[in-house]
Amino acid sequence: MTTPLFLLRCVQLGLSMADLEMLSIGLINDMYSESRNDDYKYAELATQEDFDRF
């Protein structure tokens, strides 16, 4: 990942320069990855019973 790409991801997440002092590069990458999953429609969602069996 290049610096410009990293900074673009930060802008897409709405992070400020002050935020970057408190977050690691890995955490920001994880946040970006998770933000891309927000609109994914899962075929099946777990129920409480599923979690209890787990």
PDB file of N, CA and C in Angstrom:
ATOM      1  N   MET A   1       0.850  -1.168   0.000  1.00  0.00           N
ATOM      2  CA  MET A   1       0.000   0.000   0.000  1.00  0.00           C
ATOM      3  C   MET A   1       0.895   1.231   0.000  1.00  0.00           C
ATOM      4  N   THR A   2       0.554   2.168  -0.846  1.00  0.00           N
ATOM      5  CA  THR A   2       1.326   3.401  -0.915  1.00  0.00           C
ATOM      6  C   THR A   2       0.767   4.425   0.069  1.00  0.00           C
ATOM      7  N   THR A   3       1.535   5.424   0.369  1.00  0.00           N
ATOM      8  CA  THR A   3       1.081   6.486   1.274  1.00  0.00           C
ATOM      9  C   THR A   3      -0.154   7.189   0.735  1.00  0.00           C
ATOM     10  N   PRO A   4      -0.191   7.571  -0.557  1.00  0.00           N
ATOM     11  CA  PRO A   4      -1.410   8.215  -1.061  1.00  0.00           C
ATOM     12  C   PRO A   4      -2.655   7.329  -0.939  1.00  0.00           C
ATOM     13  N   LEU A   5      -2.497   6.025  -1.195  1.00  0.00           N
ATOM     14  CA  LEU A   5      -3.636   5.117  -1.065  1.00  0.00           C
ATOM     15  C   LEU A   5      -4.084   5.025   0.386  1.00  0.00           C
ATOM     16  N   PHE A   6      -3.136   4.950   1.304  1.00  0.00           N
ATOM     17  CA  PHE A   6      -3.474   4.900   2.723  1.00  0.00           C
ATOM     18  C   PHE A   6      -4.236   6.158   3.139  1.00  0.00           C
ATOM     19  N   LEU A   7      -3.757   7.317   2.714  1.00  0.00           N
ATOM     20  CA  LEU A   7      -4.428   8.569   3.071  1.00  0.00           C
ATOM     21  C   LEU A   7      -5.807   8.664   2.424  1.00  0.00           C
ATOM     22  N   LEU A   8      -5.961   8.126   1.218  1.00  0.00           N
ATOM     23  CA  LEU A   8      -7.278   8.086   0.589  1.00  0.00           C
ATOM     24  C   LEU A   8      -8.236   7.251   1.419  1.00  0.00           C
ATOM     25  N   ARG A   9      -7.777   6.103   1.886  1.00  0.00           N
ATOM     26  CA  ARG A   9      -8.625   5.254   2.736  1.00  0.00           C
ATOM     27  C   ARG A   9      -9.035   6.003   4.009  1.00  0.00           C
ATOM     28  N   CYS A  10      -8.115   6.761   4.576  1.00  0.00           N
ATOM     29  CA  CYS A  10      -8.420   7.540   5.785  1.00  0.00           C
ATOM     30  C   CYS A  10      -9.503   8.572   5.503  1.00  0.00           C
ATOM     31  N   VAL A  11      -9.400   9.247   4.363  1.00  0.00           N
ATOM     32  CA  VAL A  11     -10.413  10.234   3.985  1.00  0.00           C
ATOM     33  C   VAL A  11     -11.751   9.550   3.774  1.00  0.00           C
ATOM     34  N   GLN A  12     -11.750   8.388   3.130  1.00  0.00           N
ATOM     35  CA  GLN A  12     -12.992   7.657   2.894  1.00  0.00           C
ATOM     36  C   GLN A  12     -13.661   7.238   4.197  1.00  0.00           C
ATOM     37  N   LEU A  13     -12.854   6.997   5.229  1.00  0.00           N
ATOM     38  CA  LEU A  13     -13.397   6.642   6.540  1.00  0.00           C
ATOM     39  C   LEU A  13     -13.782   7.874   7.357  1.00  0.00           C
ATOM     40  N   GLY A  14     -13.397   9.049   6.893  1.00  0.00           N
ATOM     41  CA  GLY A  14     -13.719  10.278   7.619  1.00  0.00           C
ATOM     42  C   GLY A  14     -12.774  10.554   8.772  1.00  0.00           C
ATOM     43  N   LEU A  15     -11.564  10.019   8.711  1.00  0.00           N
ATOM     44  CA  LEU A  15     -10.595  10.216   9.789  1.00  0.00           C
ATOM     45  C   LEU A  15      -9.841  11.533   9.606  1.00  0.00           C
ATOM     46  N   SER A  16      -9.560  12.188  10.708  1.00  0.00           N
ATOM     47  CA  SER A  16      -8.771  13.419  10.670  1.00  0.00           C
ATOM     48  C   SER A  16      -7.310  13.093  10.956  1.00  0.00           C
ATOM     49  N   MET A  17      -6.449  14.065  10.735  1.00  0.00           N
ATOM     50  CA  MET A  17      -5.031  13.866  11.029  1.00  0.00           C
ATOM     51  C   MET A  17      -4.831  13.588  12.524  1.00  0.00           C
ATOM     52  N   ALA A  18      -5.636  14.200  13.366  1.00  0.00           N
ATOM     53  CA  ALA A  18      -5.541  13.949  14.809  1.00  0.00           C
ATOM     54  C   ALA A  18      -5.916  12.503  15.125  1.00  0.00           C
ATOM     55  N   ASP A  19      -6.878  11.949  14.402  1.00  0.00           N
ATOM     56  CA  ASP A  19      -7.278  10.554  14.605  1.00  0.00           C
ATOM     57  C   ASP A  19      -6.118   9.610  14.304  1.00  0.00           C
ATOM     58  N   LEU A  20      -5.317   9.961  13.308  1.00  0.00           N
ATOM     59  CA  LEU A  20      -4.226   9.081  12.889  1.00  0.00           C
ATOM     60  C   LEU A  20      -3.180   8.899  13.982  1.00  0.00           C
ATOM     61  N   GLU A  21      -3.075   9.852  14.899  1.00  0.00           N
ATOM     62  CA  GLU A  21      -2.108   9.725  15.992  1.00  0.00           C
ATOM     63  C   GLU A  21      -2.523   8.658  16.996  1.00  0.00           C
ATOM     64  N   MET A  22      -3.820   8.350  17.044  1.00  0.00           N
ATOM     65  CA  MET A  22      -4.324   7.396  18.027  1.00  0.00           C
ATOM     66  C   MET A  22      -4.565   6.008  17.448  1.00  0.00           C
ATOM     67  N   LEU A  23      -4.464   5.857  16.119  1.00  0.00           N
ATOM     68  CA  LEU A  23      -4.791   4.587  15.463  1.00  0.00           C
ATOM     69  C   LEU A  23      -3.576   4.027  14.738  1.00  0.00           C
ATOM     70  N   SER A  24      -3.469   2.718  14.718  1.00  0.00           N
ATOM     71  CA  SER A  24      -2.376   2.083  13.987  1.00  0.00           C
ATOM     72  C   SER A  24      -2.773   1.903  12.524  1.00  0.00           C
ATOM     73  N   ILE A  25      -1.788   1.684  11.677  1.00  0.00           N
ATOM     74  CA  ILE A  25      -2.052   1.442  10.263  1.00  0.00           C
ATOM     75  C   ILE A  25      -2.914   0.191  10.107  1.00  0.00           C
ATOM     76  N   GLY A  26      -2.603  -0.850  10.863  1.00  0.00           N
ATOM     77  CA  GLY A  26      -3.373  -2.089  10.776  1.00  0.00           C
ATOM     78  C   GLY A  26      -4.823  -1.902  11.167  1.00  0.00           C
ATOM     79  N   LEU A  27      -5.060  -1.116  12.219  1.00  0.00           N
ATOM     80  CA  LEU A  27      -6.436  -0.877  12.656  1.00  0.00           C
ATOM     81  C   LEU A  27      -7.210  -0.104  11.595  1.00  0.00           C
ATOM     82  N   ILE A  28      -6.572   0.872  10.984  1.00  0.00           N
ATOM     83  CA  ILE A  28      -7.235   1.643   9.927  1.00  0.00           C
ATOM     84  C   ILE A  28      -7.548   0.738   8.740  1.00  0.00           C
ATOM     85  N   ASN A  29      -6.622  -0.134   8.375  1.00  0.00           N
ATOM     86  CA  ASN A  29      -6.885  -1.079   7.282  1.00  0.00           C
ATOM     87  C   ASN A  29      -8.051  -2.001   7.623  1.00  0.00           C
ATOM     88  N   ASP A  30      -8.106  -2.470   8.864  1.00  0.00           N
ATOM     89  CA  ASP A  30      -9.218  -3.323   9.299  1.00  0.00           C
ATOM     90  C   ASP A  30     -10.543  -2.561   9.249  1.00  0.00           C
ATOM     91  N   MET A  31     -10.511  -1.302   9.699  1.00  0.00           N
ATOM     92  CA  MET A  31     -11.722  -0.479   9.674  1.00  0.00           C
ATOM     93  C   MET A  31     -12.222  -0.293   8.244  1.00  0.00           C
ATOM     94  N   TYR A  32     -11.298  -0.082   7.318  1.00  0.00           N
ATOM     95  CA  TYR A  32     -11.696   0.091   5.920  1.00  0.00           C
ATOM     96  C   TYR A  32     -12.287  -1.208   5.366  1.00  0.00           C
ATOM     97  N   SER A  33     -11.642  -2.324   5.662  1.00  0.00           N
ATOM     98  CA  SER A  33     -12.154  -3.620   5.189  1.00  0.00           C
ATOM     99  C   SER A  33     -13.557  -3.875   5.710  1.00  0.00           C
ATOM    100  N   GLU A  34     -13.759  -3.617   6.985  1.00  0.00           N
ATOM    101  CA  GLU A  34     -15.078  -3.831   7.583  1.00  0.00           C
ATOM    102  C   GLU A  34     -16.119  -2.878   7.001  1.00  0.00           C
ATOM    103  N   SER A  35     -15.720  -1.658   6.685  1.00  0.00           N
ATOM    104  CA  SER A  35     -16.681  -0.704   6.128  1.00  0.00           C
ATOM    105  C   SER A  35     -17.184  -1.157   4.764  1.00  0.00           C
ATOM    106  N   ARG A  36     -16.377  -1.911   4.028  1.00  0.00           N
ATOM    107  CA  ARG A  36     -16.793  -2.434   2.723  1.00  0.00           C
ATOM    108  C   ARG A  36     -17.804  -3.561   2.891  1.00  0.00           C
ATOM    109  N   ASN A  37     -17.855  -4.195   4.071  1.00  0.00           N
ATOM    110  CA  ASN A  37     -18.792  -5.297   4.329  1.00  0.00           C
ATOM    111  C   ASN A  37     -20.156  -4.806   4.802  1.00  0.00           C
ATOM    112  N   ASP A  38     -20.288  -3.519   5.102  1.00  0.00           N
ATOM    113  CA  ASP A  38     -21.533  -3.008   5.667  1.00  0.00           C
ATOM    114  C   ASP A  38     -22.747  -3.236   4.766  1.00  0.00           C
ATOM    115  N   ASP A  39     -22.572  -3.169   3.477  1.00  0.00           N
ATOM    116  CA  ASP A  39     -23.693  -3.298   2.552  1.00  0.00           C
ATOM    117  C   ASP A  39     -23.887  -4.709   2.019  1.00  0.00           C
ATOM    118  N   TYR A  40     -23.056  -5.658   2.451  1.00  0.00           N
ATOM    119  CA  TYR A  40     -23.163  -7.033   1.953  1.00  0.00           C
ATOM    120  C   TYR A  40     -24.397  -7.704   2.537  1.00  0.00           C
ATOM    121  N   LYS A  41     -25.161  -8.346   1.680  1.00  0.00           N
ATOM    122  CA  LYS A  41     -26.372  -9.060   2.114  1.00  0.00           C
ATOM    123  C   LYS A  41     -26.033 -10.537   2.303  1.00  0.00           C
ATOM    124  N   TYR A  42     -25.986 -10.965   3.546  1.00  0.00           N
ATOM    125  CA  TYR A  42     -25.673 -12.347   3.855  1.00  0.00           C
ATOM    126  C   TYR A  42     -26.901 -13.226   3.618  1.00  0.00           C
ATOM    127  N   ALA A  43     -26.679 -14.409   3.080  1.00  0.00           N
ATOM    128  CA  ALA A  43     -27.779 -15.332   2.781  1.00  0.00           C
ATOM    129  C   ALA A  43     -28.445 -15.825   4.065  1.00  0.00           C
ATOM    130  N   GLU A  44     -27.671 -15.970   5.120  1.00  0.00           N
ATOM    131  CA  GLU A  44     -28.209 -16.492   6.372  1.00  0.00           C
ATOM    132  C   GLU A  44     -27.531 -15.768   7.536  1.00  0.00           C
ATOM    133  N   LEU A  45     -28.328 -15.323   8.487  1.00  0.00           N
ATOM    134  CA  LEU A  45     -27.790 -14.659   9.661  1.00  0.00           C
ATOM    135  C   LEU A  45     -27.919 -15.584  10.863  1.00  0.00           C
ATOM    136  N   ALA A  46     -26.951 -15.524  11.747  1.00  0.00           N
ATOM    137  CA  ALA A  46     -26.973 -16.365  12.948  1.00  0.00           C
ATOM    138  C   ALA A  46     -28.050 -15.887  13.908  1.00  0.00           C
ATOM    139  N   THR A  47     -28.659 -16.846  14.588  1.00  0.00           N
ATOM    140  CA  THR A  47     -29.657 -16.547  15.614  1.00  0.00           C
ATOM    141  C   THR A  47     -29.009 -16.729  16.989  1.00  0.00           C
ATOM    142  N   GLN A  48     -29.735 -16.392  18.031  1.00  0.00           N
ATOM    143  CA  GLN A  48     -29.223 -16.592  19.380  1.00  0.00           C
ATOM    144  C   GLN A  48     -28.972 -18.075  19.625  1.00  0.00           C
ATOM    145  N   GLU A  49     -29.834 -18.913  19.103  1.00  0.00           N
ATOM    146  CA  GLU A  49     -29.652 -20.353  19.263  1.00  0.00           C
ATOM    147  C   GLU A  49     -28.339 -20.819  18.621  1.00  0.00           C
ATOM    148  N   ASP A  50     -28.006 -20.270  17.478  1.00  0.00           N
ATOM    149  CA  ASP A  50     -26.731 -20.606  16.819  1.00  0.00           C
ATOM    150  C   ASP A  50     -25.555 -20.218  17.701  1.00  0.00           C
ATOM    151  N   PHE A  51     -25.615 -19.032  18.290  1.00  0.00           N
ATOM    152  CA  PHE A  51     -24.536 -18.588  19.166  1.00  0.00           C
ATOM    153  C   PHE A  51     -24.433 -19.458  20.425  1.00  0.00           C
ATOM    154  N   ASP A  52     -25.574 -19.854  20.960  1.00  0.00           N
ATOM    155  CA  ASP A  52     -25.585 -20.712  22.150  1.00  0.00           C
ATOM    156  C   ASP A  52     -24.932 -22.058  21.836  1.00  0.00           C
ATOM    157  N   ARG A  53     -25.189 -22.630  20.668  1.00  0.00           N
ATOM    158  CA  ARG A  53     -24.588 -23.907  20.288  1.00  0.00           C
ATOM    159  C   ARG A  53     -23.082 -23.750  20.051  1.00  0.00           C
ATOM    160  N   PHE A  54     -22.690 -22.599  19.570  1.00  0.00           N
ATOM    161  CA  PHE A  54     -21.273 -22.340  19.277  1.00  0.00           C
ATOM    162  C   PHE A  54     -20.466 -22.383  20.569  1.00  0.00           C
TER     163      PHE A  54
END
